[in-house]
Amino acid sequence: MRILANTVAASAFLPELLADYLLLNPQTDIVLEELPSTAISQSILDQTADIGIVANHADLRGLESYPFRQDRLVLALPVDHPLAGRASVSFSETLAYDFIGLSDDSALQQHLAQHALRNGGPMRLRARAGSFEVVCRMVTRGAGIAVVPEEIARQWPGMQVRILALDDTWATRQLSIVVRQLAQLPLPAQRLIAFLQPQ
């Protein structure tokens, strides 16, 4: 099965879920690819993938959707950063500071770049890293701030990183599983979709 997922779903939620599914279904093979949500919707419509996991800003016309998880983006910053005393912050306020981001081809980084331009950006990216862990480690050392999924930020409780809520409505997103027609998918794909939905 070919599964397309946005950055957060692919990094924060799917690794353990797909591993558990594969253990329960030894005859099933999975290819997981990361793409922006809008590109995923189009790929599912074009039938170049079986299953997609997208954020709620994607165009879902012509697709069936099923609940997956809620994704909340937060600001990770060094504990001595000028914003560290705040309980929350708007994304536009953060654009005055240096960022550590993901690579250009990251779906989340593309999403953030668009929001930055709408808010007077662009983001001042000091460095780009290949994973959220590397981003958070660089933030810990004071190289910049970062927007990361809350689920990811909580995975490294030992890191000296302050986590702030983002006030922007787009920072909280519903993630959905999308397909063209569930009934037309092979049985293993239907089983996977049922497995991935919140219990």
Protein backbone atom coordinates (compact mmCIF):
# COMPACT_ATOMS: atom_id res chain seq x y z
CA MET A 1 0.00 0.00 0.00
CA ARG A 2 1.19 3.50 -0.77
CA ILE A 3 0.35 5.98 1.98
CA LEU A 4 0.91 9.72 1.64
CA ALA A 5 1.03 11.84 4.80
CA ASN A 6 1.84 15.38 5.77
CA THR A 7 4.93 16.07 7.91
CA VAL A 8 3.21 15.85 11.28
CA ALA A 9 1.32 12.65 10.57
CA ALA A 10 4.41 11.02 9.06
CA SER A 11 6.72 12.04 11.92
CA ALA A 12 4.58 12.22 15.05
CA PHE A 13 1.78 9.69 14.69
CA LEU A 14 2.38 7.08 12.00
CA PRO A 15 5.71 5.38 12.85
CA GLU A 16 4.40 3.41 15.84
CA LEU A 17 0.91 2.92 14.38
CA LEU A 18 2.24 1.49 11.12
CA ALA A 19 4.79 -0.68 12.94
CA ASP A 20 2.02 -2.16 15.11
CA TYR A 21 -0.14 -2.76 12.03
CA LEU A 22 2.71 -4.50 10.18
CA LEU A 23 3.32 -6.80 13.15
CA LEU A 24 -0.35 -7.78 13.13
CA ASN A 25 -0.39 -8.16 9.33
CA PRO A 26 2.85 -9.85 8.21
CA GLN A 27 1.63 -10.23 4.60
CA THR A 28 1.20 -6.46 4.15
CA ASP A 29 3.88 -4.06 2.86
CA ILE A 30 3.63 -0.28 3.17
CA VAL A 31 5.33 2.63 1.42
CA LEU A 32 5.03 5.88 3.42
CA GLU A 33 5.80 9.18 1.67
CA GLU A 34 5.63 12.74 2.97
CA LEU A 35 3.90 15.42 0.90
CA PRO A 36 1.98 18.67 1.55
CA SER A 37 -1.70 18.08 2.29
CA THR A 38 -2.87 19.77 -0.91
CA ALA A 39 -0.64 17.53 -3.04
CA ILE A 40 -1.87 14.46 -1.16
CA SER A 41 -5.52 15.25 -1.93
CA GLN A 42 -4.69 15.57 -5.62
CA SER A 43 -2.71 12.31 -5.62
CA ILE A 44 -5.61 10.42 -4.06
CA LEU A 45 -7.97 11.90 -6.66
CA ASP A 46 -5.53 10.88 -9.40
CA GLN A 47 -5.34 7.37 -7.89
CA THR A 48 -1.55 7.43 -7.55
CA ALA A 49 -1.84 6.43 -3.87
CA ASP A 50 -4.28 4.37 -1.82
CA ILE A 51 -4.51 6.35 1.41
CA GLY A 52 -3.71 9.94 2.38
CA ILE A 53 -3.49 11.73 5.70
CA VAL A 54 -4.03 15.47 5.39
CA ALA A 55 -4.65 18.57 7.48
CA ASN A 56 -8.07 20.20 7.31
CA HIS A 57 -6.92 23.04 5.02
CA ALA A 58 -6.69 20.63 2.08
CA ASP A 59 -9.44 20.47 -0.54
CA LEU A 60 -11.38 17.27 0.19
CA ARG A 61 -13.93 17.55 -2.62
CA GLY A 62 -14.41 14.21 -4.33
CA LEU A 63 -12.82 12.32 -1.44
CA GLU A 64 -14.13 10.35 1.51
CA SER A 65 -12.56 11.39 4.81
CA TYR A 66 -12.26 9.71 8.20
CA PRO A 67 -10.96 11.13 11.50
CA PHE A 68 -7.31 10.53 12.35
CA ARG A 69 -5.82 12.81 15.04
CA GLN A 70 -5.68 16.45 16.11
CA ASP A 71 -2.40 18.23 15.45
CA ARG A 72 -1.35 21.32 17.39
CA LEU A 73 1.65 23.36 16.32
CA VAL A 74 3.62 25.04 19.11
CA LEU A 75 6.65 27.30 19.41
CA ALA A 76 9.82 25.72 20.79
CA LEU A 77 12.37 28.21 22.10
CA PRO A 78 15.40 28.36 24.39
CA VAL A 79 14.52 28.76 28.08
CA ASP A 80 16.25 32.18 28.22
CA HIS A 81 14.58 33.55 25.07
CA PRO A 82 12.79 36.95 25.36
CA LEU A 83 9.44 35.24 24.65
CA ALA A 84 10.00 32.41 27.15
CA GLY A 85 7.94 34.08 29.88
CA ARG A 86 4.80 34.21 27.74
CA ALA A 87 1.98 31.67 27.92
CA SER A 88 1.23 32.00 24.21
CA VAL A 89 2.30 34.01 21.19
CA SER A 90 1.04 34.80 17.70
CA PHE A 91 3.05 33.54 14.74
CA SER A 92 3.40 37.10 13.41
CA GLU A 93 5.22 38.12 16.64
CA THR A 94 7.77 35.35 16.17
CA LEU A 95 8.85 36.57 12.74
CA ALA A 96 11.18 39.12 14.36
CA TYR A 97 13.38 36.24 15.58
CA ASP A 98 15.70 33.70 13.99
CA PHE A 99 14.25 30.27 13.21
CA ILE A 100 15.54 26.74 12.89
CA GLY A 101 13.42 24.99 10.25
CA LEU A 102 13.04 21.79 8.33
CA SER A 103 14.31 21.27 4.79
CA ASP A 104 12.67 23.07 1.85
CA ASP A 105 10.87 19.92 0.73
CA SER A 106 9.18 19.44 4.11
CA ALA A 107 5.40 19.81 3.87
CA LEU A 108 5.29 21.61 7.23
CA GLN A 109 8.06 24.04 6.27
CA GLN A 110 6.22 24.94 3.07
CA HIS A 111 3.04 25.48 5.09
CA LEU A 112 4.83 27.76 7.59
CA ALA A 113 6.52 29.73 4.80
CA GLN A 114 3.09 30.52 3.32
CA HIS A 115 1.76 31.73 6.67
CA ALA A 116 4.90 33.80 7.24
CA LEU A 117 4.40 35.62 3.92
CA ARG A 118 0.76 36.31 4.83
CA ASN A 119 1.96 37.80 8.14
CA GLY A 120 4.69 40.05 6.74
CA GLY A 121 7.45 37.40 6.60
CA PRO A 122 9.46 35.61 5.33
CA MET A 123 10.85 33.56 8.22
CA ARG A 124 14.48 34.29 9.07
CA LEU A 125 15.86 30.76 8.83
CA ARG A 126 19.33 30.39 10.37
CA ALA A 127 19.46 26.67 9.70
CA ARG A 128 17.48 23.85 8.12
CA ALA A 129 17.55 20.37 9.60
CA GLY A 130 16.36 16.96 8.49
CA SER A 131 14.33 16.02 11.56
CA PHE A 132 12.36 17.53 14.42
CA GLU A 133 14.82 16.09 16.92
CA VAL A 134 17.73 17.95 15.32
CA VAL A 135 15.63 21.14 15.17
CA CYS A 136 14.83 20.89 18.89
CA ARG A 137 18.44 20.14 19.81
CA MET A 138 19.56 23.29 17.96
CA VAL A 139 16.84 25.31 19.70
CA THR A 140 18.09 23.99 23.06
CA ARG A 141 21.54 25.42 22.29
CA GLY A 142 20.06 28.84 21.54
CA ALA A 143 20.52 28.93 17.75
CA GLY A 144 16.92 29.99 17.11
CA ILE A 145 13.26 29.18 17.67
CA ALA A 146 11.09 26.64 15.85
CA VAL A 147 7.49 25.73 15.13
CA VAL A 148 6.99 22.04 15.84
CA PRO A 149 4.07 19.70 16.49
CA GLU A 150 3.22 19.53 20.19
CA GLU A 151 3.26 15.72 19.94
CA ILE A 152 6.90 15.89 18.81
CA ALA A 153 7.94 18.52 21.38
CA ARG A 154 6.66 16.32 24.23
CA GLN A 155 8.71 13.33 23.03
CA TRP A 156 11.94 14.83 24.40
CA PRO A 157 11.12 15.83 27.99
CA GLY A 158 14.82 16.00 28.89
CA MET A 159 15.52 18.81 26.41
CA GLN A 160 15.77 22.30 27.85
CA VAL A 161 13.18 23.80 25.51
CA ARG A 162 10.31 26.09 26.46
CA ILE A 163 7.04 25.30 24.67
CA LEU A 164 4.54 28.07 23.93
CA ALA A 165 1.07 27.79 22.42
CA LEU A 166 0.53 29.59 19.12
CA ASP A 167 -2.57 31.84 19.20
CA ASP A 168 -3.28 31.42 15.49
CA THR A 169 -6.35 29.38 14.59
CA TRP A 170 -4.43 27.53 11.84
CA ALA A 171 -2.01 26.17 14.47
CA THR A 172 -4.61 23.62 15.60
CA ARG A 173 -5.56 21.30 12.77
CA GLN A 174 -7.66 18.22 12.38
CA LEU A 175 -5.86 15.47 10.52
CA SER A 176 -8.03 13.21 8.37
CA ILE A 177 -7.57 9.98 6.46
CA VAL A 178 -8.68 10.45 2.84
CA VAL A 179 -9.49 7.95 0.12
CA ARG A 180 -11.43 8.03 -3.14
CA GLN A 181 -13.89 5.28 -2.19
CA LEU A 182 -13.33 3.09 0.85
CA ALA A 183 -15.52 0.28 -0.50
CA GLN A 184 -13.36 0.07 -3.67
CA LEU A 185 -10.08 -0.35 -1.79
CA PRO A 186 -8.49 -3.78 -1.26
CA LEU A 187 -9.40 -5.38 2.07
CA PRO A 188 -5.93 -4.78 3.65
CA ALA A 189 -6.29 -1.04 2.94
CA GLN A 190 -9.77 -1.00 4.48
CA ARG A 191 -8.43 -2.77 7.55
CA LEU A 192 -5.58 -0.28 7.86
CA ILE A 193 -7.97 2.68 7.72
CA ALA A 194 -10.07 1.15 10.50
CA PHE A 195 -6.88 0.50 12.51
CA LEU A 196 -5.65 4.09 12.14
CA GLN A 197 -8.87 5.75 13.34
CA PRO A 198 -9.07 6.81 17.01
CA GLN A 199 -10.41 3.99 19.16
